[in-house]
Amino acid sequence: MEFGLIFASSSKNTTMPEGPSIILLKEKLLPFKGKRVIDANGYAKDFNADMVIGKTLKDIKTWGKHTLLCFPKFTIRVHMMLFGTYRINEHTTKNASLHLGFAKGEINFYIASIKLIEQPLDEMYDWAADIMSDAWDGQAAFSKLRQKPKTMICDALLDQKIFAGSGNIIKNESLYRAKIHPESLIGEIPDDRLQHLIDTVVDFGADFLKWRAQNQLTKHLEAHEKNICPRNHIPFTKKDTGKTKRHSYFCTRCQELFD
């Protein structure tokens, strides 16, 4: 995929991020890789931004919804949470959670969770759980799901230990594509249907990435925040489902309930 057009001199994000959006954020940050921080500040709790000054940004990694800014002896974890935004090579009048200034350019995160990680990342993260990673392990996800037979699939699709990077858009669209009702109990879903859903999550994640890069994601969504089922042309049910109580949009005719 060609990302050249993404490296604009000014970049802004104002939507709740999921894994694919974090991949795009990483691409926008790559021009700063190998560059030295000359100025840093921010109001993030329990993090002293001064420690970054003079340090070189060695690498940028992602895991699920986490952006990982890797320095020689530590990593800064950025989590956009529900309302976080970022600006690259520009800033607002509001104080940033984290500001990093370089000789040419700056990075600003707002309303984001900032955490210092001093342990090796391989000890902190299960890379095989990241739906956007080359290390993704679908069989491991299947095994984890089978260990939660009484859990609703809508909750499992938001469990970052199983599907790191999946959010409400991926949940709703994957369940619609796989024709599975969000309130289905994992233990009642047949093996072939569960495996198909797992594969669908990864496939939709790739589509999400492509469409987000083209600024056409909303145009292609079939279920999330939609009113009418495009397969049956009847109204979607909108309901806060599972223990997570996140909005689900589903068709009671074509999405089978396993309970």
Protein backbone atom coordinates (compact mmCIF):
# COMPACT_ATOMS: atom_id res chain seq x y z
CA MET A 1 0.00 0.00 0.00
CA GLU A 2 1.25 3.46 -0.89
CA PHE A 3 1.26 5.87 2.04
CA GLY A 4 3.15 8.76 0.44
CA LEU A 5 0.15 11.08 0.36
CA ILE A 6 -0.42 10.66 4.07
CA PHE A 7 2.73 12.55 5.04
CA ALA A 8 1.13 15.98 4.92
CA SER A 9 2.87 18.82 6.72
CA SER A 10 -0.20 19.17 8.92
CA SER A 11 -2.27 16.26 10.10
CA LYS A 12 -5.23 15.99 12.43
CA ASN A 13 -7.33 13.13 13.78
CA THR A 14 -10.67 13.62 15.53
CA THR A 15 -12.26 10.15 15.51
CA MET A 16 -12.21 7.31 18.00
CA PRO A 17 -9.31 5.15 16.82
CA GLU A 18 -9.23 1.42 16.21
CA GLY A 19 -6.24 -0.66 15.15
CA PRO A 20 -6.23 0.40 11.46
CA SER A 21 -6.29 4.09 12.40
CA ILE A 22 -3.30 3.54 14.67
CA ILE A 23 -1.41 1.95 11.78
CA LEU A 24 -2.06 5.13 9.76
CA LEU A 25 -0.91 7.27 12.69
CA LYS A 26 2.33 5.29 12.75
CA GLU A 27 2.84 6.00 9.05
CA LYS A 28 2.37 9.71 9.67
CA LEU A 29 4.95 9.60 12.47
CA LEU A 30 7.64 7.79 10.49
CA PRO A 31 9.35 11.00 9.27
CA PHE A 32 10.38 11.55 12.93
CA LYS A 33 12.07 8.15 13.23
CA GLY A 34 15.78 8.60 13.88
CA LYS A 35 15.31 12.24 14.89
CA ARG A 36 16.31 13.79 18.22
CA VAL A 37 13.78 15.42 20.53
CA ILE A 38 14.80 18.99 21.35
CA ASP A 39 11.71 20.01 23.32
CA ALA A 40 9.11 18.06 25.30
CA ASN A 41 6.33 18.85 27.72
CA GLY A 42 2.79 17.84 28.62
CA TYR A 43 0.36 17.38 31.46
CA ALA A 44 0.22 13.56 31.46
CA LYS A 45 0.20 12.20 35.00
CA ASP A 46 3.13 10.16 36.30
CA PHE A 47 5.26 10.99 33.26
CA ASN A 48 8.14 13.45 33.23
CA ALA A 49 8.45 14.73 29.67
CA ASP A 50 11.88 16.21 30.42
CA MET A 51 13.37 12.72 30.25
CA VAL A 52 12.75 12.66 26.49
CA ILE A 53 14.71 15.83 25.69
CA GLY A 54 17.91 15.01 23.85
CA LYS A 55 16.84 11.43 23.17
CA THR A 56 16.48 9.94 19.68
CA LEU A 57 13.23 8.35 18.55
CA LYS A 58 14.61 4.98 17.46
CA ASP A 59 11.42 3.31 16.28
CA ILE A 60 7.64 3.48 16.18
CA LYS A 61 5.58 0.36 16.82
CA THR A 62 1.92 -0.35 17.32
CA TRP A 63 -0.06 -2.92 19.26
CA GLY A 64 -3.81 -2.81 18.94
CA LYS A 65 -4.84 0.70 19.93
CA HIS A 66 -1.43 1.57 21.40
CA THR A 67 1.17 3.72 19.65
CA LEU A 68 4.64 2.89 20.95
CA LEU A 69 7.36 5.56 20.65
CA CYS A 70 10.61 3.67 21.19
CA PHE A 71 13.67 5.42 22.64
CA PRO A 72 17.03 3.77 23.51
CA LYS A 73 16.15 2.74 27.08
CA PHE A 74 12.40 3.23 27.33
CA THR A 75 9.16 3.43 25.37
CA ILE A 76 6.33 5.94 25.55
CA ARG A 77 2.93 4.30 25.18
CA VAL A 78 0.23 6.54 23.73
CA HIS A 79 -3.38 5.42 24.02
CA MET A 80 -5.95 7.75 22.45
CA MET A 81 -8.74 6.34 24.66
CA LEU A 82 -12.24 7.58 23.70
CA PHE A 83 -11.64 11.23 22.89
CA GLY A 84 -7.93 11.57 22.12
CA THR A 85 -6.68 13.53 19.13
CA TYR A 86 -3.31 14.30 17.62
CA ARG A 87 -1.75 17.01 15.51
CA ILE A 88 1.47 16.72 13.56
CA ASN A 89 3.47 19.85 12.69
CA GLU A 90 0.80 22.07 14.21
CA HIS A 91 -0.77 22.61 17.61
CA THR A 92 -3.82 24.10 19.31
CA THR A 93 -4.03 26.63 22.13
CA LYS A 94 -4.86 23.78 24.53
CA ASN A 95 -2.14 22.08 26.54
CA ALA A 96 -1.08 18.74 25.13
CA SER A 97 -0.96 15.47 27.02
CA LEU A 98 2.41 15.10 25.32
CA HIS A 99 4.31 17.49 23.05
CA LEU A 100 7.49 16.38 21.28
CA GLY A 101 9.45 18.99 19.38
CA PHE A 102 12.13 18.19 16.81
CA ALA A 103 14.45 20.35 14.73
CA LYS A 104 11.93 20.05 11.91
CA GLY A 105 8.41 19.47 13.09
CA GLU A 106 6.44 18.52 16.17
CA ILE A 107 4.04 15.89 17.49
CA ASN A 108 1.16 16.74 19.81
CA PHE A 109 -1.26 14.36 21.53
CA TYR A 110 -4.36 15.72 23.25
CA ILE A 111 -6.63 14.00 25.82
CA ALA A 112 -4.52 10.87 25.44
CA SER A 113 -3.17 8.45 28.03
CA ILE A 114 0.63 8.60 28.19
CA LYS A 115 2.58 5.87 29.97
CA LEU A 116 6.28 5.18 30.41
CA ILE A 117 7.37 1.61 29.68
CA GLU A 118 10.83 0.57 30.84
CA GLN A 119 10.46 -3.20 30.34
CA PRO A 120 11.23 -4.91 27.01
CA LEU A 121 8.13 -4.69 24.82
CA ASP A 122 8.16 -8.43 24.17
CA GLU A 123 7.47 -8.89 27.89
CA MET A 124 4.57 -6.45 27.78
CA TYR A 125 2.76 -7.36 24.58
CA ASP A 126 1.34 -10.45 22.94
CA TRP A 127 2.04 -9.51 19.32
CA ALA A 128 0.07 -12.53 18.11
CA ALA A 129 -3.12 -10.96 19.51
CA ASP A 130 -2.87 -7.85 17.29
CA ILE A 131 -5.33 -8.18 14.40
CA MET A 132 -3.24 -5.80 12.26
CA SER A 133 0.09 -7.55 12.88
CA ASP A 134 1.94 -10.01 10.67
CA ALA A 135 2.36 -12.01 13.87
CA TRP A 136 -1.43 -12.43 14.28
CA ASP A 137 -2.37 -15.98 15.32
CA GLY A 138 -5.95 -16.88 14.47
CA GLN A 139 -5.70 -20.31 16.09
CA ALA A 140 -4.65 -18.71 19.36
CA ALA A 141 -7.69 -16.42 19.14
CA PHE A 142 -9.92 -19.44 18.53
CA SER A 143 -8.53 -21.17 21.63
CA LYS A 144 -9.02 -18.07 23.77
CA LEU A 145 -12.62 -17.76 22.60
CA ARG A 146 -13.39 -21.39 23.38
CA GLN A 147 -12.24 -20.73 26.96
CA LYS A 148 -15.13 -18.23 27.33
CA PRO A 149 -18.25 -20.28 26.43
CA LYS A 150 -20.69 -18.11 28.39
CA THR A 151 -19.37 -14.81 27.02
CA MET A 152 -21.34 -12.95 24.37
CA ILE A 153 -19.41 -12.64 21.14
CA CYS A 154 -19.98 -8.87 21.11
CA ASP A 155 -17.93 -8.60 24.31
CA ALA A 156 -15.21 -10.95 23.08
CA LEU A 157 -14.68 -8.90 19.93
CA LEU A 158 -13.82 -5.91 22.13
CA ASP A 159 -11.46 -7.91 24.37
CA GLN A 160 -8.00 -6.55 23.58
CA LYS A 161 -6.34 -9.73 24.90
CA ILE A 162 -8.02 -11.64 22.09
CA PHE A 163 -8.53 -9.04 19.34
CA ALA A 164 -6.10 -6.20 20.00
CA GLY A 165 -7.11 -3.28 17.81
CA SER A 166 -10.75 -4.25 17.43
CA GLY A 167 -13.31 -1.62 18.37
CA ASN A 168 -16.99 -1.04 17.89
CA ILE A 169 -16.78 -0.51 14.13
CA ILE A 170 -14.85 -3.72 13.58
CA LYS A 171 -17.19 -5.56 15.96
CA ASN A 172 -20.37 -4.50 14.19
CA GLU A 173 -19.10 -4.89 10.65
CA SER A 174 -17.47 -8.28 11.25
CA LEU A 175 -20.58 -9.71 12.91
CA TYR A 176 -22.71 -8.45 10.04
CA ARG A 177 -20.39 -9.92 7.41
CA ALA A 178 -20.28 -13.25 9.27
CA LYS A 179 -24.07 -13.24 9.82
CA ILE A 180 -23.79 -13.73 13.58
CA HIS A 181 -25.99 -12.01 16.17
CA PRO A 182 -23.91 -9.95 18.67
CA GLU A 183 -25.61 -11.57 21.69
CA SER A 184 -24.61 -15.08 20.63
CA LEU A 185 -22.84 -17.09 23.32
CA ILE A 186 -19.38 -18.21 22.21
CA GLY A 187 -19.93 -21.77 23.42
CA GLU A 188 -22.97 -22.16 21.15
CA ILE A 189 -21.30 -20.92 17.96
CA PRO A 190 -20.19 -23.85 15.73
CA ASP A 191 -16.47 -24.19 15.10
CA ASP A 192 -16.68 -23.34 11.40
CA ARG A 193 -18.76 -20.22 12.02
CA LEU A 194 -16.45 -19.06 14.81
CA GLN A 195 -13.35 -19.57 12.66
CA HIS A 196 -15.04 -17.71 9.82
CA LEU A 197 -15.77 -14.80 12.15
CA ILE A 198 -12.14 -14.67 13.27
CA ASP A 199 -11.00 -14.57 9.64
CA THR A 200 -13.61 -11.92 8.91
CA VAL A 201 -12.28 -9.65 11.66
CA VAL A 202 -8.81 -9.68 10.08
CA ASP A 203 -10.19 -9.24 6.55
CA PHE A 204 -12.34 -6.31 7.60
CA GLY A 205 -9.39 -4.78 9.45
CA ALA A 206 -7.48 -4.74 6.16
CA ASP A 207 -10.44 -3.12 4.39
CA PHE A 208 -10.79 -0.60 7.22
CA LEU A 209 -7.13 0.36 6.78
CA LYS A 210 -7.51 0.79 3.02
CA TRP A 211 -10.73 2.80 3.25
CA ARG A 212 -9.49 4.99 6.12
CA ALA A 213 -6.35 5.81 4.14
CA GLN A 214 -8.62 6.91 1.28
CA ASN A 215 -10.95 8.85 3.64
CA GLN A 216 -13.80 6.61 2.48
CA LEU A 217 -14.46 4.40 5.50
CA THR A 218 -17.98 5.63 6.29
CA LYS A 219 -19.01 5.20 2.66
CA HIS A 220 -18.24 1.48 2.81
CA LEU A 221 -19.73 0.57 6.20
CA GLU A 222 -22.73 -1.75 5.99
CA ALA A 223 -23.93 -2.02 9.60
CA HIS A 224 -22.20 0.35 12.03
CA GLU A 225 -24.46 3.37 12.67
CA LYS A 226 -26.67 2.34 9.75
CA ASN A 227 -30.47 2.17 9.77
CA ILE A 228 -31.36 -0.43 7.14
CA CYS A 229 -29.93 -3.90 6.50
CA PRO A 230 -28.57 -3.87 2.93
CA ARG A 231 -29.24 -7.61 2.57
CA ASN A 232 -32.87 -7.72 3.71
CA HIS A 233 -33.88 -4.04 3.48
CA ILE A 234 -35.42 -4.05 6.95
CA PRO A 235 -34.51 -1.80 9.90
CA PHE A 236 -31.44 -2.69 11.92
CA THR A 237 -31.84 -3.22 15.64
CA LYS A 238 -29.74 -0.79 17.66
CA LYS A 239 -28.99 -2.00 21.17
CA ASP A 240 -26.35 -1.70 23.88
CA THR A 241 -25.26 -5.31 24.12
CA GLY A 242 -23.22 -7.47 26.47
CA LYS A 243 -21.36 -6.44 29.59
CA THR A 244 -19.54 -3.72 27.67
CA LYS A 245 -22.87 -2.02 26.81
CA ARG A 246 -21.50 -0.72 23.53
CA HIS A 247 -23.82 0.09 20.62
CA SER A 248 -24.54 -2.87 18.37
CA TYR A 249 -26.28 -2.57 15.01
CA PHE A 250 -27.62 -5.87 13.71
CA CYS A 251 -30.26 -7.54 11.57
CA THR A 252 -32.52 -10.01 13.37
CA ARG A 253 -33.29 -11.78 10.09
CA CYS A 254 -29.85 -12.55 8.68
CA GLN A 255 -27.62 -12.53 11.78
CA GLU A 256 -28.16 -15.86 13.52
CA LEU A 257 -28.49 -15.95 17.31
CA PHE A 258 -26.65 -18.83 18.98
CA ASP A 259 -27.82 -19.11 22.60
